[in-house]
Amino acid sequence: MSEVETSGPSLRMMFSIMGIVVILCGVTAYWRYTVSETWFAESLPAMSEFGKTVDTEGCVDASVRWHGACDANKPLCDNGVPRAMTHCLMADDRSEVCSEMSHESAKATWVFKRCADRGTPCKGRKRCPCADAYRALDSFCRHGQKGVAL
């Protein structure tokens, strides 16, 4: 029988280290989940209340600020702008603004121009809270002020 090299960390120690790492990752993930859930649970009703007092441009401003202050995971914050905008828009009748919209394609570049014109230019085309807010407004108007297609 041949000899086996046994100088090195034991298998028990390696599994113990891996177990500790897995537990730490689980605790961290749960903590991030609870922070994200709390952020959405508290901020979206606040957006609904705020929407009663502002026009649509105020909702865009609020949604951009909401994104900037978002305490949730970044992907949730990026994808949450239409939800925040919807809560703000649904708080009041937006018929006048919707009737003025030309309903250009929501994927067209008009949203980027509108953001640049208002002083909140997009740094990139993939994730831009201002453009997402205007797309949400367009969708809100297209769907008869009943919500936004997410």
Protein backbone atom coordinates (compact mmCIF):
# COMPACT_ATOMS: atom_id res chain seq x y z
CA MET A 1 0.00 0.00 0.00
CA SER A 2 1.29 3.45 -0.85
CA GLU A 3 1.55 6.34 1.56
CA VAL A 4 -0.82 9.29 1.25
CA GLU A 5 0.25 12.87 1.89
CA THR A 6 -1.65 14.16 4.96
CA SER A 7 0.14 17.40 5.71
CA GLY A 8 -2.34 20.17 4.98
CA PRO A 9 -5.68 21.29 6.25
CA SER A 10 -7.99 18.53 7.34
CA LEU A 11 -11.23 17.83 5.56
CA ARG A 12 -13.13 18.65 8.75
CA MET A 13 -11.52 22.10 8.93
CA MET A 14 -12.29 22.81 5.24
CA PHE A 15 -15.96 21.85 5.68
CA SER A 16 -16.16 23.95 8.83
CA ILE A 17 -14.79 27.01 7.02
CA MET A 18 -17.16 26.45 4.09
CA GLY A 19 -20.09 26.11 6.52
CA ILE A 20 -19.21 29.39 8.23
CA VAL A 21 -18.95 31.18 4.88
CA VAL A 22 -22.33 29.80 3.77
CA ILE A 23 -23.97 30.89 7.03
CA LEU A 24 -22.46 34.39 6.79
CA CYS A 25 -23.65 34.73 3.18
CA GLY A 26 -27.15 33.61 4.20
CA VAL A 27 -27.33 36.10 7.08
CA THR A 28 -26.08 38.91 4.83
CA ALA A 29 -28.58 38.05 2.09
CA TYR A 30 -31.45 37.97 4.57
CA TRP A 31 -30.39 41.31 6.04
CA ARG A 32 -30.28 42.91 2.54
CA TYR A 33 -33.70 41.42 1.79
CA THR A 34 -35.25 42.92 4.95
CA VAL A 35 -33.68 46.33 4.27
CA SER A 36 -35.03 46.26 0.69
CA GLU A 37 -38.47 45.13 1.79
CA THR A 38 -38.65 47.85 4.44
CA TRP A 39 -37.59 50.50 1.91
CA PHE A 40 -40.35 49.59 -0.53
CA ALA A 41 -42.97 49.17 2.21
CA GLU A 42 -42.27 52.65 3.58
CA SER A 43 -41.41 54.66 0.47
CA LEU A 44 -44.13 53.62 -1.99
CA PRO A 45 -47.04 54.75 0.22
CA ALA A 46 -45.14 58.00 0.74
CA MET A 47 -44.95 58.39 -3.05
CA SER A 48 -48.73 57.92 -3.23
CA GLU A 49 -49.24 60.69 -0.69
CA PHE A 50 -46.73 62.96 -2.41
CA GLY A 51 -48.47 62.42 -5.75
CA LYS A 52 -51.58 64.15 -4.44
CA THR A 53 -49.68 67.42 -4.19
CA VAL A 54 -47.58 67.57 -7.37
CA ASP A 55 -47.99 67.58 -11.15
CA THR A 56 -46.44 64.96 -13.43
CA GLU A 57 -43.07 66.73 -13.58
CA GLY A 58 -43.10 66.70 -9.79
CA CYS A 59 -43.65 62.94 -9.96
CA VAL A 60 -40.66 62.60 -12.29
CA ASP A 61 -38.55 64.65 -9.87
CA ALA A 62 -39.76 62.56 -6.94
CA SER A 63 -39.05 59.29 -8.75
CA VAL A 64 -35.52 60.39 -9.61
CA ARG A 65 -34.97 61.43 -5.99
CA TRP A 66 -36.54 58.16 -4.82
CA HIS A 67 -34.00 56.24 -6.92
CA GLY A 68 -31.12 58.31 -5.58
CA ALA A 69 -32.13 57.69 -1.97
CA CYS A 70 -33.12 54.05 -2.50
CA ASP A 71 -31.81 51.85 0.29
CA ALA A 72 -32.66 48.54 -1.39
CA ASN A 73 -30.44 46.42 -3.64
CA LYS A 74 -29.35 48.34 -6.74
CA PRO A 75 -31.24 46.15 -9.25
CA LEU A 76 -34.40 46.56 -7.17
CA CYS A 77 -33.91 50.32 -7.08
CA ASP A 78 -33.32 50.46 -10.84
CA ASN A 79 -36.40 48.36 -11.58
CA GLY A 80 -38.48 50.14 -8.93
CA VAL A 81 -38.61 53.55 -10.62
CA PRO A 82 -41.73 52.64 -12.68
CA ARG A 83 -43.42 51.39 -9.49
CA ALA A 84 -42.58 54.60 -7.62
CA MET A 85 -43.75 56.67 -10.58
CA THR A 86 -47.00 54.70 -10.75
CA HIS A 87 -47.73 55.32 -7.08
CA CYS A 88 -47.14 59.03 -7.59
CA LEU A 89 -49.18 59.29 -10.81
CA MET A 90 -52.18 57.32 -9.56
CA ALA A 91 -52.69 59.72 -6.66
CA ASP A 92 -54.32 62.32 -8.91
CA ASP A 93 -56.04 62.70 -12.28
CA ARG A 94 -53.44 63.17 -15.02
CA SER A 95 -55.89 63.46 -17.96
CA GLU A 96 -54.63 66.85 -19.08
CA VAL A 97 -51.01 65.71 -19.38
CA CYS A 98 -52.01 62.41 -20.98
CA SER A 99 -54.08 64.20 -23.64
CA GLU A 100 -51.06 66.37 -24.52
CA MET A 101 -48.71 63.42 -24.98
CA SER A 102 -48.06 62.35 -28.53
CA HIS A 103 -47.47 58.74 -27.44
CA GLU A 104 -44.26 58.38 -29.33
CA SER A 105 -42.62 55.04 -28.82
CA ALA A 106 -41.55 54.57 -25.21
CA LYS A 107 -38.30 53.05 -26.47
CA ALA A 108 -37.46 56.03 -28.67
CA THR A 109 -34.85 58.61 -27.80
CA TRP A 110 -37.39 61.30 -26.85
CA VAL A 111 -37.07 60.30 -23.20
CA PHE A 112 -33.32 60.98 -23.22
CA LYS A 113 -33.84 64.40 -24.81
CA ARG A 114 -36.55 65.24 -22.30
CA CYS A 115 -34.25 64.28 -19.43
CA ALA A 116 -31.40 66.37 -20.84
CA ASP A 117 -33.76 69.34 -21.33
CA ARG A 118 -34.87 69.21 -17.71
CA GLY A 119 -31.32 69.04 -16.35
CA THR A 120 -31.19 65.36 -15.42
CA PRO A 121 -29.31 63.85 -18.38
CA CYS A 122 -28.83 60.12 -18.59
CA LYS A 123 -25.30 58.86 -18.01
CA GLY A 124 -26.10 55.61 -19.79
CA ARG A 125 -28.97 54.33 -21.85
CA LYS A 126 -29.49 51.07 -19.99
CA ARG A 127 -30.26 52.43 -16.54
CA CYS A 128 -31.53 55.96 -16.32
CA PRO A 129 -34.09 56.76 -13.62
CA CYS A 130 -35.31 59.87 -15.45
CA ALA A 131 -35.91 57.98 -18.71
CA ASP A 132 -37.59 55.15 -16.78
CA ALA A 133 -39.90 57.71 -15.15
CA TYR A 134 -40.91 59.19 -18.52
CA ARG A 135 -41.45 55.72 -19.96
CA ALA A 136 -43.68 54.98 -16.97
CA LEU A 137 -45.64 58.19 -17.64
CA ASP A 138 -46.08 57.19 -21.28
CA SER A 139 -47.25 53.71 -20.27
CA PHE A 140 -49.56 55.15 -17.61
CA CYS A 141 -51.26 57.35 -20.20
CA ARG A 142 -51.43 54.56 -22.78
CA HIS A 143 -53.17 52.30 -20.27
CA GLY A 144 -55.90 54.80 -19.38
CA GLN A 145 -54.30 55.93 -16.09
CA LYS A 146 -54.88 52.49 -14.59
CA GLY A 147 -51.24 51.56 -14.12
CA VAL A 148 -47.93 50.96 -15.84
CA ALA A 149 -46.85 47.93 -17.81
CA LEU A 150 -43.81 46.70 -15.93
